[in-house]
Amino acid sequence: MTISQPNLEIGLNTYQRRLFLDVAGWTYDGQCAALLGMTDEARRQISAKAANKHPNHRFPAMWGPNYDWLPDQTLGGNLMLTLQYMVMQADRDRIYEGSFVDT
């Protein structure tokens, strides 16, 4: 579901009623929030994940530990995809460019 879908309210309600709330590792709550146009929630997810760094690693992009190993490589991809969905979404032959992103 994306912001262009006619039943967006169903997606928003489903997101609000999800059973497992998590901002660690590869969980995709941030992507779902971005696809639904919930930019404040997507931004919160990105900030929490980016701040999840290991104190013994020299570089801040060595995230984790989360679910698997250090560094958590999937977290970086997750961050990028969430940000991409906040900036641009596509649905069939139409591209939505950031008009739904709060600034």
N, C-alpha and C. Protein backbone atom coordinates (compact mmCIF):
# COMPACT_ATOMS: atom_id res chain seq x y z
N MET A 1 0.84 -1.18 0.00
CA MET A 1 0.00 0.00 0.00
C MET A 1 0.88 1.24 0.00
N THR A 2 0.51 2.21 -0.80
CA THR A 2 1.23 3.48 -0.85
C THR A 2 0.23 4.62 -0.69
N ILE A 3 0.74 5.83 -0.65
CA ILE A 3 -0.12 6.99 -0.45
C ILE A 3 -1.13 7.17 -1.57
N SER A 4 -0.91 6.52 -2.71
CA SER A 4 -1.80 6.70 -3.85
C SER A 4 -2.99 5.75 -3.83
N GLN A 5 -3.04 4.83 -2.91
CA GLN A 5 -4.10 3.83 -2.89
C GLN A 5 -5.41 4.41 -2.36
N PRO A 6 -6.54 3.94 -2.88
CA PRO A 6 -7.82 4.50 -2.47
C PRO A 6 -8.21 4.17 -1.02
N ASN A 7 -7.73 3.08 -0.49
CA ASN A 7 -8.08 2.67 0.88
C ASN A 7 -6.93 2.91 1.85
N LEU A 8 -6.36 4.08 1.80
CA LEU A 8 -5.22 4.42 2.65
C LEU A 8 -5.57 4.28 4.13
N GLU A 9 -6.78 4.58 4.49
CA GLU A 9 -7.22 4.50 5.89
C GLU A 9 -7.03 3.08 6.45
N ILE A 10 -7.25 2.07 5.63
CA ILE A 10 -7.04 0.68 6.07
C ILE A 10 -5.59 0.46 6.44
N GLY A 11 -4.68 0.94 5.61
CA GLY A 11 -3.26 0.82 5.90
C GLY A 11 -2.87 1.55 7.17
N LEU A 12 -3.39 2.76 7.36
CA LEU A 12 -3.09 3.53 8.56
C LEU A 12 -3.60 2.82 9.82
N ASN A 13 -4.81 2.31 9.75
CA ASN A 13 -5.36 1.58 10.90
C ASN A 13 -4.58 0.30 11.19
N THR A 14 -4.19 -0.40 10.16
CA THR A 14 -3.40 -1.62 10.34
C THR A 14 -2.07 -1.30 10.99
N TYR A 15 -1.42 -0.24 10.54
CA TYR A 15 -0.14 0.16 11.13
C TYR A 15 -0.31 0.49 12.61
N GLN A 16 -1.34 1.23 12.95
CA GLN A 16 -1.56 1.63 14.34
C GLN A 16 -1.87 0.44 15.24
N ARG A 17 -2.40 -0.64 14.67
CA ARG A 17 -2.80 -1.81 15.48
C ARG A 17 -1.81 -2.97 15.41
N ARG A 18 -0.63 -2.75 14.82
CA ARG A 18 0.33 -3.84 14.72
C ARG A 18 0.74 -4.32 16.11
N LEU A 19 1.07 -5.58 16.23
CA LEU A 19 1.35 -6.18 17.54
C LEU A 19 2.80 -6.00 17.97
N PHE A 20 3.71 -5.97 17.04
CA PHE A 20 5.13 -5.90 17.37
C PHE A 20 5.69 -4.55 16.95
N LEU A 21 6.06 -3.74 17.92
CA LEU A 21 6.62 -2.42 17.66
C LEU A 21 8.12 -2.50 17.88
N ASP A 22 8.88 -2.18 16.85
CA ASP A 22 10.32 -2.32 16.97
C ASP A 22 11.02 -1.31 16.07
N VAL A 23 12.13 -0.78 16.54
CA VAL A 23 12.93 0.14 15.72
C VAL A 23 14.37 -0.35 15.59
N ALA A 24 14.59 -1.63 15.80
CA ALA A 24 15.95 -2.18 15.73
C ALA A 24 16.14 -2.95 14.43
N GLY A 25 17.37 -2.98 13.99
CA GLY A 25 17.77 -3.85 12.89
C GLY A 25 16.97 -3.68 11.62
N TRP A 26 16.59 -4.81 11.05
CA TRP A 26 15.98 -4.82 9.73
C TRP A 26 14.46 -4.73 9.76
N THR A 27 13.86 -4.46 10.91
CA THR A 27 12.40 -4.34 10.94
C THR A 27 11.95 -3.23 10.00
N TYR A 28 10.80 -3.41 9.41
CA TYR A 28 10.38 -2.52 8.33
C TYR A 28 9.24 -1.57 8.71
N ASP A 29 9.06 -1.29 9.98
CA ASP A 29 8.02 -0.34 10.40
C ASP A 29 8.24 1.04 9.78
N GLY A 30 9.49 1.46 9.68
CA GLY A 30 9.79 2.76 9.08
C GLY A 30 9.38 2.84 7.62
N GLN A 31 9.63 1.76 6.87
CA GLN A 31 9.22 1.75 5.47
C GLN A 31 7.70 1.80 5.34
N CYS A 32 7.01 1.04 6.20
CA CYS A 32 5.54 1.07 6.16
C CYS A 32 5.03 2.46 6.47
N ALA A 33 5.60 3.11 7.48
CA ALA A 33 5.18 4.46 7.84
C ALA A 33 5.41 5.42 6.68
N ALA A 34 6.56 5.31 6.02
CA ALA A 34 6.86 6.20 4.89
C ALA A 34 5.90 5.96 3.73
N LEU A 35 5.61 4.70 3.43
CA LEU A 35 4.68 4.39 2.36
C LEU A 35 3.28 4.91 2.64
N LEU A 36 2.93 5.00 3.91
CA LEU A 36 1.60 5.49 4.30
C LEU A 36 1.56 7.01 4.45
N GLY A 37 2.70 7.68 4.23
CA GLY A 37 2.75 9.12 4.35
C GLY A 37 2.90 9.62 5.77
N MET A 38 3.26 8.73 6.70
CA MET A 38 3.44 9.08 8.11
C MET A 38 4.88 9.54 8.31
N THR A 39 5.18 10.74 7.85
CA THR A 39 6.56 11.19 7.82
C THR A 39 7.17 11.38 9.20
N ASP A 40 6.40 11.84 10.17
CA ASP A 40 6.96 11.99 11.52
C ASP A 40 7.37 10.65 12.10
N GLU A 41 6.54 9.63 11.89
CA GLU A 41 6.86 8.29 12.38
C GLU A 41 8.05 7.71 11.62
N ALA A 42 8.10 7.89 10.32
CA ALA A 42 9.22 7.39 9.53
C ALA A 42 10.51 8.09 9.97
N ARG A 43 10.44 9.38 10.20
CA ARG A 43 11.61 10.14 10.67
C ARG A 43 12.08 9.63 12.03
N ARG A 44 11.14 9.35 12.93
CA ARG A 44 11.49 8.82 14.25
C ARG A 44 12.18 7.47 14.11
N GLN A 45 11.68 6.64 13.23
CA GLN A 45 12.29 5.32 13.00
C GLN A 45 13.72 5.46 12.47
N ILE A 46 13.91 6.34 11.50
CA ILE A 46 15.25 6.54 10.94
C ILE A 46 16.21 7.04 12.02
N SER A 47 15.79 8.00 12.80
CA SER A 47 16.65 8.56 13.85
C SER A 47 17.04 7.52 14.88
N ALA A 48 16.09 6.71 15.31
CA ALA A 48 16.36 5.68 16.31
C ALA A 48 17.33 4.63 15.76
N LYS A 49 17.12 4.22 14.53
CA LYS A 49 18.00 3.20 13.94
C LYS A 49 19.41 3.74 13.70
N ALA A 50 19.52 4.96 13.22
CA ALA A 50 20.84 5.54 12.95
C ALA A 50 21.63 5.74 14.25
N ALA A 51 20.95 5.96 15.35
CA ALA A 51 21.62 6.17 16.64
C ALA A 51 22.04 4.86 17.30
N ASN A 52 21.63 3.75 16.77
CA ASN A 52 21.91 2.44 17.36
C ASN A 52 23.30 1.96 16.95
N LYS A 53 24.32 2.60 17.48
CA LYS A 53 25.69 2.21 17.12
C LYS A 53 26.35 1.49 18.30
N HIS A 54 27.32 0.71 17.98
CA HIS A 54 28.04 -0.06 18.99
C HIS A 54 29.19 0.78 19.54
N PRO A 55 29.29 0.92 20.85
CA PRO A 55 30.32 1.81 21.43
C PRO A 55 31.75 1.35 21.18
N ASN A 56 31.97 0.09 20.89
CA ASN A 56 33.32 -0.42 20.66
C ASN A 56 33.77 -0.34 19.21
N HIS A 57 32.91 0.13 18.33
CA HIS A 57 33.29 0.26 16.93
C HIS A 57 33.75 1.67 16.63
N ARG A 58 34.75 1.77 15.80
CA ARG A 58 35.34 3.05 15.47
C ARG A 58 34.43 3.93 14.62
N PHE A 59 33.70 3.32 13.71
CA PHE A 59 32.87 4.07 12.78
C PHE A 59 31.41 4.03 13.21
N PRO A 60 30.72 5.18 13.18
CA PRO A 60 29.33 5.22 13.65
C PRO A 60 28.35 4.42 12.79
N ALA A 61 28.72 4.09 11.58
CA ALA A 61 27.82 3.31 10.72
C ALA A 61 27.95 1.80 10.97
N MET A 62 28.65 1.41 12.01
CA MET A 62 28.73 0.00 12.40
C MET A 62 27.61 -0.26 13.41
N TRP A 63 26.40 -0.35 12.90
CA TRP A 63 25.22 -0.45 13.77
C TRP A 63 25.13 -1.79 14.46
N GLY A 64 24.36 -1.79 15.51
CA GLY A 64 24.07 -3.02 16.22
C GLY A 64 24.66 -3.02 17.61
N PRO A 65 24.60 -4.13 18.28
CA PRO A 65 24.03 -5.39 17.80
C PRO A 65 22.51 -5.35 17.77
N ASN A 66 21.96 -6.03 16.81
CA ASN A 66 20.51 -6.12 16.69
C ASN A 66 20.10 -7.58 16.76
N TYR A 67 19.91 -8.20 15.62
CA TYR A 67 19.44 -9.58 15.63
C TYR A 67 20.52 -10.59 15.25
N ASP A 68 21.47 -10.19 14.42
CA ASP A 68 22.38 -11.17 13.87
C ASP A 68 23.83 -10.96 14.27
N TRP A 69 24.49 -10.00 13.69
CA TRP A 69 25.92 -9.85 13.87
C TRP A 69 26.31 -8.38 13.86
N LEU A 70 27.56 -8.14 14.14
CA LEU A 70 28.12 -6.79 14.05
C LEU A 70 29.12 -6.75 12.91
N PRO A 71 29.14 -5.75 12.09
CA PRO A 71 28.14 -4.70 12.01
C PRO A 71 26.87 -5.21 11.36
N ASP A 72 25.77 -4.57 11.68
CA ASP A 72 24.47 -4.96 11.12
C ASP A 72 24.33 -4.30 9.76
N GLN A 73 24.64 -5.04 8.72
CA GLN A 73 24.63 -4.49 7.37
C GLN A 73 23.21 -4.24 6.86
N THR A 74 22.26 -5.01 7.32
CA THR A 74 20.89 -4.84 6.84
C THR A 74 20.27 -3.54 7.34
N LEU A 75 20.74 -3.03 8.46
CA LEU A 75 20.19 -1.79 9.00
C LEU A 75 20.46 -0.62 8.05
N GLY A 76 21.63 -0.57 7.45
CA GLY A 76 21.95 0.50 6.52
C GLY A 76 21.03 0.49 5.31
N GLY A 77 20.78 -0.68 4.76
CA GLY A 77 19.85 -0.79 3.64
C GLY A 77 18.44 -0.41 4.04
N ASN A 78 18.06 -0.77 5.25
CA ASN A 78 16.76 -0.43 5.78
C ASN A 78 16.60 1.08 5.89
N LEU A 79 17.64 1.75 6.40
CA LEU A 79 17.60 3.21 6.51
C LEU A 79 17.44 3.86 5.14
N MET A 80 18.20 3.38 4.17
CA MET A 80 18.15 3.98 2.83
C MET A 80 16.79 3.78 2.18
N LEU A 81 16.20 2.60 2.34
CA LEU A 81 14.89 2.34 1.73
C LEU A 81 13.80 3.18 2.38
N THR A 82 13.86 3.34 3.70
CA THR A 82 12.88 4.19 4.39
C THR A 82 12.99 5.62 3.89
N LEU A 83 14.20 6.13 3.79
CA LEU A 83 14.40 7.49 3.30
C LEU A 83 13.92 7.62 1.86
N GLN A 84 14.20 6.63 1.03
CA GLN A 84 13.75 6.67 -0.37
C GLN A 84 12.23 6.75 -0.44
N TYR A 85 11.54 5.97 0.37
CA TYR A 85 10.07 6.01 0.36
C TYR A 85 9.54 7.34 0.86
N MET A 86 10.30 8.03 1.71
CA MET A 86 9.88 9.35 2.18
C MET A 86 10.03 10.39 1.07
N VAL A 87 10.99 10.19 0.19
CA VAL A 87 11.29 11.16 -0.86
C VAL A 87 10.50 10.90 -2.13
N MET A 88 10.34 9.62 -2.49
CA MET A 88 9.69 9.29 -3.75
C MET A 88 8.99 7.94 -3.66
N GLN A 89 7.81 7.87 -4.23
CA GLN A 89 7.09 6.61 -4.34
C GLN A 89 6.57 6.48 -5.77
N ALA A 90 6.45 5.25 -6.22
CA ALA A 90 5.93 5.00 -7.56
C ALA A 90 4.75 4.03 -7.47
N ASP A 91 3.76 4.28 -8.30
CA ASP A 91 2.61 3.39 -8.39
C ASP A 91 2.23 3.28 -9.86
N ARG A 92 2.47 2.12 -10.40
CA ARG A 92 2.25 1.85 -11.82
C ARG A 92 3.04 2.85 -12.67
N ASP A 93 2.35 3.73 -13.38
CA ASP A 93 3.07 4.65 -14.26
C ASP A 93 3.16 6.07 -13.69
N ARG A 94 2.93 6.21 -12.40
CA ARG A 94 2.98 7.53 -11.77
C ARG A 94 4.04 7.56 -10.68
N ILE A 95 4.78 8.67 -10.61
CA ILE A 95 5.80 8.85 -9.58
C ILE A 95 5.36 10.00 -8.69
N TYR A 96 5.39 9.76 -7.38
CA TYR A 96 5.06 10.78 -6.40
C TYR A 96 6.37 11.25 -5.78
N GLU A 97 6.67 12.52 -5.93
CA GLU A 97 7.95 13.05 -5.50
C GLU A 97 7.81 14.00 -4.32
N GLY A 98 7.95 13.50 -3.13
CA GLY A 98 8.12 14.32 -1.95
C GLY A 98 7.03 15.30 -1.61
N SER A 99 5.93 15.36 -2.36
CA SER A 99 4.89 16.32 -2.04
C SER A 99 4.17 15.94 -0.74
N PHE A 100 4.36 14.74 -0.29
CA PHE A 100 3.72 14.27 0.93
C PHE A 100 4.67 14.29 2.12
N VAL A 101 5.90 14.76 1.93
CA VAL A 101 6.90 14.77 2.97
C VAL A 101 6.82 16.06 3.76
N ASP A 102 6.64 15.96 5.09
CA ASP A 102 6.66 17.12 5.95
C ASP A 102 8.07 17.69 6.00
N THR A 103 8.19 19.01 6.03
CA THR A 103 9.52 19.61 6.14
C THR A 103 9.63 20.39 7.42
